[in-house]
Every structure is written in C-alpha cells, then in structure tokens.
C-alpha atoms as a PDB file:
ATOM      1  CA  MET A   1     -69.438  33.711 -14.745  1.00  0.00           C
ATOM      2  CA  PHE A   2     -65.868  31.960 -14.809  1.00  0.00           C
ATOM      3  CA  LEU A   3     -66.392  31.060 -18.460  1.00  0.00           C
ATOM      4  CA  ILE A   4     -67.227  34.365 -19.521  1.00  0.00           C
ATOM      5  CA  TYR A   5     -64.436  35.852 -17.292  1.00  0.00           C
ATOM      6  CA  GLY A   6     -62.593  33.337 -19.372  1.00  0.00           C
ATOM      7  CA  LEU A   7     -62.990  34.535 -22.450  1.00  0.00           C
ATOM      8  CA  ALA A   8     -60.222  37.339 -21.297  1.00  0.00           C
ATOM      9  CA  ILE A   9     -58.086  34.467 -23.065  1.00  0.00           C
ATOM     10  CA  PHE A  10     -58.709  35.789 -26.231  1.00  0.00           C
ATOM     11  CA  LEU A  11     -57.266  39.084 -25.906  1.00  0.00           C
ATOM     12  CA  GLU A  12     -53.441  37.474 -25.693  1.00  0.00           C
ATOM     13  CA  PRO A  13     -53.444  37.060 -29.638  1.00  0.00           C
ATOM     14  CA  ILE A  14     -55.170  40.979 -29.879  1.00  0.00           C
ATOM     15  CA  TYR A  15     -52.092  41.877 -27.617  1.00  0.00           C
ATOM     16  CA  SER A  16     -49.424  40.421 -30.348  1.00  0.00           C
ATOM     17  CA  ARG A  17     -51.006  42.488 -32.724  1.00  0.00           C
ATOM     18  CA  ILE A  18     -51.285  45.794 -30.714  1.00  0.00           C
ATOM     19  CA  LYS A  19     -48.376  45.749 -28.033  1.00  0.00           C
ATOM     20  CA  ASP A  20     -46.634  48.422 -30.269  1.00  0.00           C
ATOM     21  CA  TRP A  21     -49.948  50.896 -30.476  1.00  0.00           C
ATOM     22  CA  SER A  22     -49.914  54.144 -27.896  1.00  0.00           C
ATOM     23  CA  ILE A  23     -51.205  53.100 -24.408  1.00  0.00           C
ATOM     24  CA  ILE A  24     -54.467  55.190 -25.307  1.00  0.00           C
ATOM     25  CA  LEU A  25     -55.095  53.317 -28.518  1.00  0.00           C
ATOM     26  CA  ARG A  26     -54.304  49.774 -26.598  1.00  0.00           C
ATOM     27  CA  GLY A  27     -56.941  50.570 -23.517  1.00  0.00           C
ATOM     28  CA  GLY A  28     -59.368  51.624 -25.460  1.00  0.00           C
ATOM     29  CA  SER A  29     -59.688  48.372 -27.956  1.00  0.00           C
ATOM     30  CA  TYR A  30     -59.864  46.525 -24.568  1.00  0.00           C
ATOM     31  CA  THR A  31     -62.071  48.426 -23.033  1.00  0.00           C
ATOM     32  CA  LEU A  32     -64.134  48.112 -26.695  1.00  0.00           C
ATOM     33  CA  LEU A  33     -63.439  44.123 -26.930  1.00  0.00           C
ATOM     34  CA  ILE A  34     -64.639  44.008 -23.025  1.00  0.00           C
ATOM     35  CA  PHE A  35     -67.708  46.067 -23.911  1.00  0.00           C
ATOM     36  CA  ILE A  36     -68.662  43.862 -26.692  1.00  0.00           C
ATOM     37  CA  ALA A  37     -68.071  40.388 -24.689  1.00  0.00           C
ATOM     38  CA  GLU A  38     -70.301  41.852 -22.080  1.00  0.00           C
ATOM     39  CA  TYR A  39     -72.701  42.896 -24.197  1.00  0.00           C
ATOM     40  CA  LEU A  40     -72.760  39.685 -26.423  1.00  0.00           C
ATOM     41  CA  THR A  41     -72.400  37.253 -23.169  1.00  0.00           C
ATOM     42  CA  GLY A  42     -75.372  39.338 -22.086  1.00  0.00           C
ATOM     43  CA  TRP A  43     -77.696  39.528 -24.599  1.00  0.00           C
ATOM     44  CA  LEU A  44     -76.515  35.043 -25.425  1.00  0.00           C
ATOM     45  CA  LEU A  45     -77.573  34.081 -22.096  1.00  0.00           C
ATOM     46  CA  LEU A  46     -81.204  36.104 -21.693  1.00  0.00           C
ATOM     47  CA  ASN A  47     -82.200  35.282 -25.052  1.00  0.00           C
ATOM     48  CA  ALA A  48     -80.978  31.922 -24.574  1.00  0.00           C
ATOM     49  CA  VAL A  49     -81.771  30.487 -21.000  1.00  0.00           C
ATOM     50  CA  GLY A  50     -83.887  33.270 -20.192  1.00  0.00           C
ATOM     51  CA  VAL A  51     -81.275  34.468 -17.385  1.00  0.00           C
ATOM     52  CA  ARG A  52     -79.355  38.327 -17.326  1.00  0.00           C
ATOM     53  CA  PRO A  53     -76.700  37.721 -14.916  1.00  0.00           C
ATOM     54  CA  TRP A  54     -76.337  40.823 -14.332  1.00  0.00           C
ATOM     55  CA  ASP A  55     -78.875  44.158 -14.668  1.00  0.00           C
ATOM     56  CA  TYR A  56     -77.824  47.627 -15.237  1.00  0.00           C
ATOM     57  CA  SER A  57     -81.080  48.738 -16.759  1.00  0.00           C
ATOM     58  CA  HIS A  58     -80.891  51.116 -13.538  1.00  0.00           C
ATOM     59  CA  THR A  59     -78.200  52.774 -14.543  1.00  0.00           C
ATOM     60  CA  PRO A  60     -78.614  55.995 -16.932  1.00  0.00           C
ATOM     61  CA  LEU A  61     -75.168  55.328 -18.578  1.00  0.00           C
ATOM     62  CA  SER A  62     -76.633  51.817 -19.411  1.00  0.00           C
ATOM     63  CA  ILE A  63     -77.015  49.954 -22.952  1.00  0.00           C
ATOM     64  CA  GLY A  64     -79.700  47.773 -23.472  1.00  0.00           C
ATOM     65  CA  GLY A  65     -78.664  46.773 -19.274  1.00  0.00           C
ATOM     66  CA  PHE A  66     -76.328  44.690 -20.731  1.00  0.00           C
ATOM     67  CA  ILE A  67     -73.081  46.907 -20.243  1.00  0.00           C
ATOM     68  CA  ARG A  68     -72.196  50.744 -17.822  1.00  0.00           C
ATOM     69  CA  LEU A  69     -70.662  53.437 -19.746  1.00  0.00           C
ATOM     70  CA  ASP A  70     -68.783  54.562 -17.044  1.00  0.00           C
ATOM     71  CA  TYR A  71     -67.123  51.034 -16.109  1.00  0.00           C
ATOM     72  CA  ALA A  72     -64.999  52.263 -19.350  1.00  0.00           C
ATOM     73  CA  PRO A  73     -61.843  53.759 -17.044  1.00  0.00           C
ATOM     74  CA  LEU A  74     -62.058  50.507 -15.248  1.00  0.00           C
ATOM     75  CA  TRP A  75     -61.849  47.927 -18.361  1.00  0.00           C
ATOM     76  CA  PHE A  76     -59.504  50.570 -19.757  1.00  0.00           C
ATOM     77  CA  ILE A  77     -57.156  49.950 -16.921  1.00  0.00           C
ATOM     78  CA  VAL A  78     -58.335  46.284 -16.603  1.00  0.00           C
ATOM     79  CA  GLY A  79     -57.126  45.970 -20.032  1.00  0.00           C
ATOM     80  CA  LEU A  80     -53.476  46.966 -19.720  1.00  0.00           C
ATOM     81  CA  LEU A  81     -53.057  44.701 -16.320  1.00  0.00           C
ATOM     82  CA  PHE A  82     -53.956  41.999 -18.691  1.00  0.00           C
ATOM     83  CA  GLU A  83     -50.730  43.145 -20.816  1.00  0.00           C
ATOM     84  CA  ARG A  84     -48.986  43.359 -17.720  1.00  0.00           C
ATOM     85  CA  LEU A  85     -49.936  40.113 -16.028  1.00  0.00           C
ATOM     86  CA  TYR A  86     -49.414  38.172 -19.170  1.00  0.00           C
ATOM     87  CA  ASN A  87     -45.961  39.740 -19.650  1.00  0.00           C
ATOM     88  CA  LEU A  88     -45.306  38.480 -16.236  1.00  0.00           C
ATOM     89  CA  LEU A  89     -46.397  35.191 -16.765  1.00  0.00           C
ATOM     90  CA  ILE A  90     -44.572  34.549 -20.387  1.00  0.00           C
ATOM     91  CA  ASN A  91     -41.255  35.713 -18.834  1.00  0.00           C
ATOM     92  CA  LEU A  92     -41.275  32.837 -15.755  1.00  0.00           C
ATOM     93  CA  LYS A  93     -38.436  30.871 -15.250  1.00  0.00           C
ATOM     94  CA  VAL A  94     -39.522  27.867 -13.808  1.00  0.00           C
ATOM     95  CA  ASP A  95     -36.741  25.484 -12.646  1.00  0.00           C
ATOM     96  CA  SER A  96     -37.489  21.747 -13.883  1.00  0.00           C
ATOM     97  CA  ILE A  97     -36.957  19.384 -10.718  1.00  0.00           C
END
C-alpha cells in the first residue's frame, strides 16, 4: 500500500497546471484522478497477483469493488489538503548547519 499511496507524488505536476482553477474544479480533478489510480491499482493487483487489497463489492456505490463513489467528498478534501501540504513544504525554509 505504501507504493500505491506514493503515487500521490504525481499530483504535484498536475497541481502546477491547475492551481489557478476554481476550488471545485481542482477538488473534482483530484477526486477523479484518485479514483482512477485506486481502480487501476486494484485491478492490476487482482489480475497480476490474484490479490484484492480492498474489496468494496459489498457496497452499493462501488464500481467493480475497487472504488466507492461515496468516498468522493473525502478524496475531494484530501486532494485540496495535498495542495496545502505541498505549499507548506515548498515554502519551508531550512537553515543550513
């Protein structure tokens, strides 16, 4: 899972392109991208290794058991929090010793 969550690093170049968009468009973009990454990685793991690391098939709002549409508000907020964290870290001044 660490490697899958590490895919968030690919949001950085996307943020650079969409940072001037409205908050709704940015959050929606992050939600869509996270859903795509979650679906593809879940599908790839199932087909390559035969392992399903998460199974949402019991949930009425799931797609293929790989993503839950009711998580959209969470991913919307997480994407925008990634922006804040990125800006905080990029502007962090570290004194050299």
